[in-house]
């Protein structure tokens, strides 16, 4: 059995995978990492390996490793490489690509290959504290991607910078007629516009570009995107599992 971990900016996701599939999965805020061993992992069988990605910094890494001490189990922290699992990394310095983005690209490629004889080009989105939008062509070449503030971060930034914009949460409308709705709709349009622009740059008239979207805000953003689209709850964990193998 293998324990896979995705240590993100705000939350840590984990999953225990065995011969018959997932035996357990969970998510915990970074502020509550110290409770993992006694709360989430107390009744789990001991994994034979632990493999993960971490973009939350040194303090989160140390806390996660401390929780694994109950099993005396070291963790293998993955980093991006020039090529793996059918994906070619064209980042200028491949190792500087976020490990979570790399795992997501690997997972998306695996899904695309398994679902289609001719895998389509893909836009791979992680929508969390930040939103990453990455371009993966039909040959498995990662051409690059962009990073922008996440939905909540954009709204909070506007509220912090302009006292007149400290308003209750709004809703999405094509033509907002009040300030809360105008803020929420504008932020949503900014994120979706960036995604659709990346999709347009990657595709052409004869090819449909698929979107894979994951992260805490995925379900909120997905209804505003065009098909083909797939929401994958644990895309990073899937990629970590593929890379671990």
Protein backbone atom coordinates (compact mmCIF):
# COMPACT_ATOMS: atom_id res chain seq x y z
CA UNK A 1 0.00 0.00 0.00
CA UNK A 2 1.16 3.50 -0.79
CA UNK A 3 0.23 6.75 0.92
CA UNK A 4 0.19 9.68 -1.52
CA UNK A 5 0.17 13.30 -0.38
CA UNK A 6 -0.57 16.66 -1.99
CA UNK A 7 0.58 19.42 0.35
CA UNK A 8 -0.89 22.63 -1.09
CA UNK A 9 -0.92 26.28 -0.12
CA UNK A 10 -4.04 26.02 2.05
CA UNK A 11 -4.86 22.32 2.41
CA UNK A 12 -3.26 18.91 2.33
CA UNK A 13 -4.94 16.05 0.48
CA UNK A 14 -3.97 12.43 1.04
CA UNK A 15 -4.97 9.01 -0.22
CA UNK A 16 -4.04 5.44 0.66
CA UNK A 17 -3.88 3.20 -2.40
CA UNK A 18 -3.77 -0.59 -2.38
CA UNK A 19 -4.05 -3.48 -4.86
CA UNK A 20 -7.82 -2.97 -5.17
CA UNK A 21 -7.81 0.82 -5.42
CA UNK A 22 -8.26 3.65 -2.95
CA UNK A 23 -8.62 2.48 0.65
CA UNK A 24 -9.11 5.96 2.05
CA UNK A 25 -8.85 9.63 1.13
CA UNK A 26 -9.03 12.86 3.05
CA UNK A 27 -8.28 16.55 3.21
CA UNK A 28 -7.11 18.72 6.10
CA UNK A 29 -6.32 22.42 6.37
CA UNK A 30 -2.66 23.28 6.86
CA UNK A 31 -3.52 24.75 10.27
CA UNK A 32 -4.68 21.28 11.39
CA UNK A 33 -1.81 19.15 10.08
CA UNK A 34 -0.81 18.22 13.63
CA UNK A 35 -4.08 16.28 14.02
CA UNK A 36 -3.50 13.88 11.13
CA UNK A 37 -1.94 10.98 13.01
CA UNK A 38 -4.55 10.88 15.76
CA UNK A 39 -7.63 11.82 13.75
CA UNK A 40 -7.40 10.92 10.05
CA UNK A 41 -4.73 8.23 10.11
CA UNK A 42 -5.39 6.55 13.44
CA UNK A 43 -7.16 3.50 11.98
CA UNK A 44 -5.32 3.26 8.68
CA UNK A 45 -3.16 0.20 7.99
CA UNK A 46 0.55 0.95 7.80
CA UNK A 47 1.59 1.97 4.26
CA UNK A 48 4.68 0.43 2.71
CA UNK A 49 5.60 3.75 1.06
CA UNK A 50 4.76 7.42 1.32
CA UNK A 51 5.20 9.67 -1.71
CA UNK A 52 4.11 13.27 -2.08
CA UNK A 53 4.43 16.76 -3.52
CA UNK A 54 4.75 19.89 -1.42
CA UNK A 55 4.28 23.52 -2.46
CA UNK A 56 3.42 24.75 1.05
CA UNK A 57 6.98 25.34 2.21
CA UNK A 58 9.40 23.96 4.76
CA UNK A 59 7.13 24.27 7.81
CA UNK A 60 4.37 22.19 6.19
CA UNK A 61 6.91 19.60 5.05
CA UNK A 62 8.24 19.19 8.59
CA UNK A 63 4.72 18.87 10.04
CA UNK A 64 3.74 16.20 7.52
CA UNK A 65 6.91 14.24 8.17
CA UNK A 66 6.23 14.47 11.90
CA UNK A 67 2.81 12.87 11.43
CA UNK A 68 4.37 10.01 9.47
CA UNK A 69 6.65 9.26 12.42
CA UNK A 70 3.88 7.10 13.92
CA UNK A 71 4.71 4.53 11.23
CA UNK A 72 8.47 5.29 11.19
CA UNK A 73 7.91 5.92 7.49
CA UNK A 74 10.06 8.34 5.47
CA UNK A 75 8.37 10.19 2.63
CA UNK A 76 9.68 10.59 -0.89
CA UNK A 77 9.08 14.19 -1.99
CA UNK A 78 8.78 14.43 -5.78
CA UNK A 79 10.00 17.26 -7.99
CA UNK A 80 9.40 17.93 -11.67
CA UNK A 81 11.76 16.34 -14.18
CA UNK A 82 12.43 16.81 -17.89
CA UNK A 83 10.27 13.81 -18.81
CA UNK A 84 8.12 11.22 -17.07
CA UNK A 85 5.09 9.01 -17.70
CA UNK A 86 4.68 10.18 -21.28
CA UNK A 87 4.92 13.91 -20.52
CA UNK A 88 7.76 16.10 -21.82
CA UNK A 89 8.44 19.16 -19.68
CA UNK A 90 9.42 22.25 -21.69
CA UNK A 91 9.79 24.54 -18.69
CA UNK A 92 13.03 26.53 -19.09
CA UNK A 93 14.33 24.84 -15.94
CA UNK A 94 12.19 21.70 -15.56
CA UNK A 95 12.86 21.26 -11.84
CA UNK A 96 11.42 24.73 -11.13
CA UNK A 97 7.93 23.70 -12.26
CA UNK A 98 5.71 23.23 -9.23
CA UNK A 99 5.58 19.57 -8.27
CA UNK A 100 1.78 19.71 -7.97
CA UNK A 101 1.48 21.08 -11.51
CA UNK A 102 3.81 18.35 -12.78
CA UNK A 103 1.74 15.64 -11.08
CA UNK A 104 -1.47 17.12 -12.51
CA UNK A 105 -0.03 17.10 -16.03
CA UNK A 106 1.02 13.47 -15.65
CA UNK A 107 -2.44 12.50 -14.37
CA UNK A 108 -4.20 14.38 -17.17
CA UNK A 109 -2.02 12.70 -19.79
CA UNK A 110 -2.74 9.28 -18.31
CA UNK A 111 -6.49 9.98 -18.37
CA UNK A 112 -6.35 11.30 -21.94
CA UNK A 113 -4.40 8.27 -23.21
CA UNK A 114 -6.69 5.78 -21.46
CA UNK A 115 -9.87 7.42 -22.75
CA UNK A 116 -8.96 8.00 -26.40
CA UNK A 117 -6.90 6.26 -29.08
CA UNK A 118 -5.89 9.73 -30.25
CA UNK A 119 -5.46 11.75 -27.03
CA UNK A 120 -6.64 15.34 -27.39
CA UNK A 121 -4.62 18.37 -26.35
CA UNK A 122 -5.52 19.38 -22.79
CA UNK A 123 -5.63 22.42 -20.59
CA UNK A 124 -4.90 21.35 -17.01
CA UNK A 125 -6.23 23.63 -14.28
CA UNK A 126 -5.64 23.62 -10.54
CA UNK A 127 -8.03 26.08 -8.91
CA UNK A 128 -6.99 26.68 -5.33
CA UNK A 129 -5.37 29.60 -3.51
CA UNK A 130 -3.79 30.29 -6.89
CA UNK A 131 -5.07 29.13 -10.27
CA UNK A 132 -2.61 27.39 -12.58
CA UNK A 133 -3.51 26.89 -16.25
CA UNK A 134 -1.17 24.58 -18.15
CA UNK A 135 -1.04 23.57 -21.82
CA UNK A 136 -0.44 19.93 -22.76
CA UNK A 137 -0.52 19.01 -26.44
CA UNK A 138 -1.75 15.78 -28.04
CA UNK A 139 1.80 14.34 -28.03
CA UNK A 140 2.21 14.85 -24.28
CA UNK A 141 4.39 17.94 -24.56
CA UNK A 142 3.87 20.51 -21.79
CA UNK A 143 4.36 23.86 -23.50
CA UNK A 144 4.04 26.06 -20.42
CA UNK A 145 1.35 27.68 -18.37
CA UNK A 146 0.21 30.67 -16.36
CA UNK A 147 -0.50 31.40 -12.71
CA UNK A 148 -3.05 33.89 -11.43
CA UNK A 149 -4.67 34.59 -8.07
CA UNK A 150 -7.49 32.28 -7.07
CA UNK A 151 -11.14 33.23 -6.83
CA UNK A 152 -11.12 34.06 -3.11
CA UNK A 153 -7.71 35.71 -3.27
CA UNK A 154 -8.85 38.10 -6.00
CA UNK A 155 -11.99 39.04 -4.08
CA UNK A 156 -10.04 39.51 -0.85
CA UNK A 157 -7.42 41.65 -2.58
CA UNK A 158 -10.09 43.96 -3.97
CA UNK A 159 -11.75 44.25 -0.56
CA UNK A 160 -8.41 44.99 1.14
CA UNK A 161 -7.44 47.71 -1.35
CA UNK A 162 -10.76 49.53 -1.73
CA UNK A 163 -13.00 50.19 1.26
CA UNK A 164 -16.02 50.71 -1.00
CA UNK A 165 -15.61 47.11 -2.21
CA UNK A 166 -15.93 45.52 1.24
CA UNK A 167 -19.32 44.04 0.38
CA UNK A 168 -21.17 40.75 1.00
CA UNK A 169 -20.46 37.84 -1.39
CA UNK A 170 -22.15 38.16 -4.76
CA UNK A 171 -23.41 35.78 -7.42
CA UNK A 172 -22.54 35.28 -11.07
CA UNK A 173 -24.60 37.11 -13.68
CA UNK A 174 -23.87 37.89 -17.31
CA UNK A 175 -24.91 41.50 -16.67
CA UNK A 176 -24.53 42.25 -12.94
CA UNK A 177 -26.64 45.10 -11.57
CA UNK A 178 -25.12 45.47 -8.10
CA UNK A 179 -21.59 45.73 -6.72
CA UNK A 180 -21.30 42.31 -4.99
CA UNK A 181 -22.44 40.53 -8.17
CA UNK A 182 -20.20 42.74 -10.31
CA UNK A 183 -17.16 41.77 -8.22
CA UNK A 184 -17.88 38.05 -8.18
CA UNK A 185 -18.80 37.93 -11.87
CA UNK A 186 -15.71 39.92 -12.83
CA UNK A 187 -13.36 37.63 -10.95
CA UNK A 188 -15.04 34.53 -12.38
CA UNK A 189 -14.87 35.98 -15.90
CA UNK A 190 -11.16 36.74 -15.44
CA UNK A 191 -10.36 33.15 -14.50
CA UNK A 192 -12.57 31.57 -17.16
CA UNK A 193 -11.31 33.99 -19.80
CA UNK A 194 -7.71 33.01 -19.04
CA UNK A 195 -8.64 29.32 -19.32
CA UNK A 196 -10.47 29.76 -22.61
CA UNK A 197 -7.62 31.86 -24.04
CA UNK A 198 -5.15 29.07 -23.25
CA UNK A 199 -7.54 26.58 -24.83
CA UNK A 200 -7.78 28.71 -27.99
CA UNK A 201 -4.00 29.01 -28.27
CA UNK A 202 -3.50 25.26 -27.89
CA UNK A 203 -6.17 24.09 -30.32
CA UNK A 204 -7.31 24.75 -33.85
CA UNK A 205 -10.51 24.32 -35.85
CA UNK A 206 -10.24 20.56 -36.33
CA UNK A 207 -9.24 19.70 -32.75
CA UNK A 208 -11.26 19.98 -29.55
CA UNK A 209 -9.15 20.88 -26.50
CA UNK A 210 -10.23 19.18 -23.29
CA UNK A 211 -10.07 20.83 -19.87
CA UNK A 212 -9.21 18.93 -16.71
CA UNK A 213 -9.92 21.01 -13.63
CA UNK A 214 -9.15 20.22 -9.99
CA UNK A 215 -8.82 22.10 -6.72
CA UNK A 216 -11.05 23.62 -4.09
CA UNK A 217 -12.79 26.02 -6.48
CA UNK A 218 -13.13 23.53 -9.37
CA UNK A 219 -16.84 22.86 -8.90
CA UNK A 220 -17.53 26.58 -8.68
CA UNK A 221 -15.64 27.44 -11.88
CA UNK A 222 -16.57 24.42 -14.02
CA UNK A 223 -20.17 25.46 -14.87
CA UNK A 224 -18.80 28.57 -16.58
CA UNK A 225 -16.43 26.69 -18.90
CA UNK A 226 -17.16 25.15 -22.29
CA UNK A 227 -17.09 21.41 -22.98
CA UNK A 228 -15.24 19.09 -23.24
CA UNK A 229 -14.51 19.38 -19.54
CA UNK A 230 -13.81 17.00 -16.69
CA UNK A 231 -13.69 17.85 -13.00
CA UNK A 232 -11.24 15.53 -11.22
CA UNK A 233 -11.32 15.80 -7.45
CA UNK A 234 -7.83 14.40 -6.78
CA UNK A 235 -5.88 15.01 -9.97
CA UNK A 236 -2.62 15.72 -8.14
CA UNK A 237 -2.89 12.53 -6.07
CA UNK A 238 -3.50 10.54 -9.25
CA UNK A 239 -0.36 12.01 -10.76
CA UNK A 240 1.72 11.33 -7.66
CA UNK A 241 0.58 7.71 -7.82
CA UNK A 242 1.61 7.42 -11.48
CA UNK A 243 5.01 9.00 -10.79
CA UNK A 244 5.56 6.78 -7.76
CA UNK A 245 5.09 3.71 -9.94
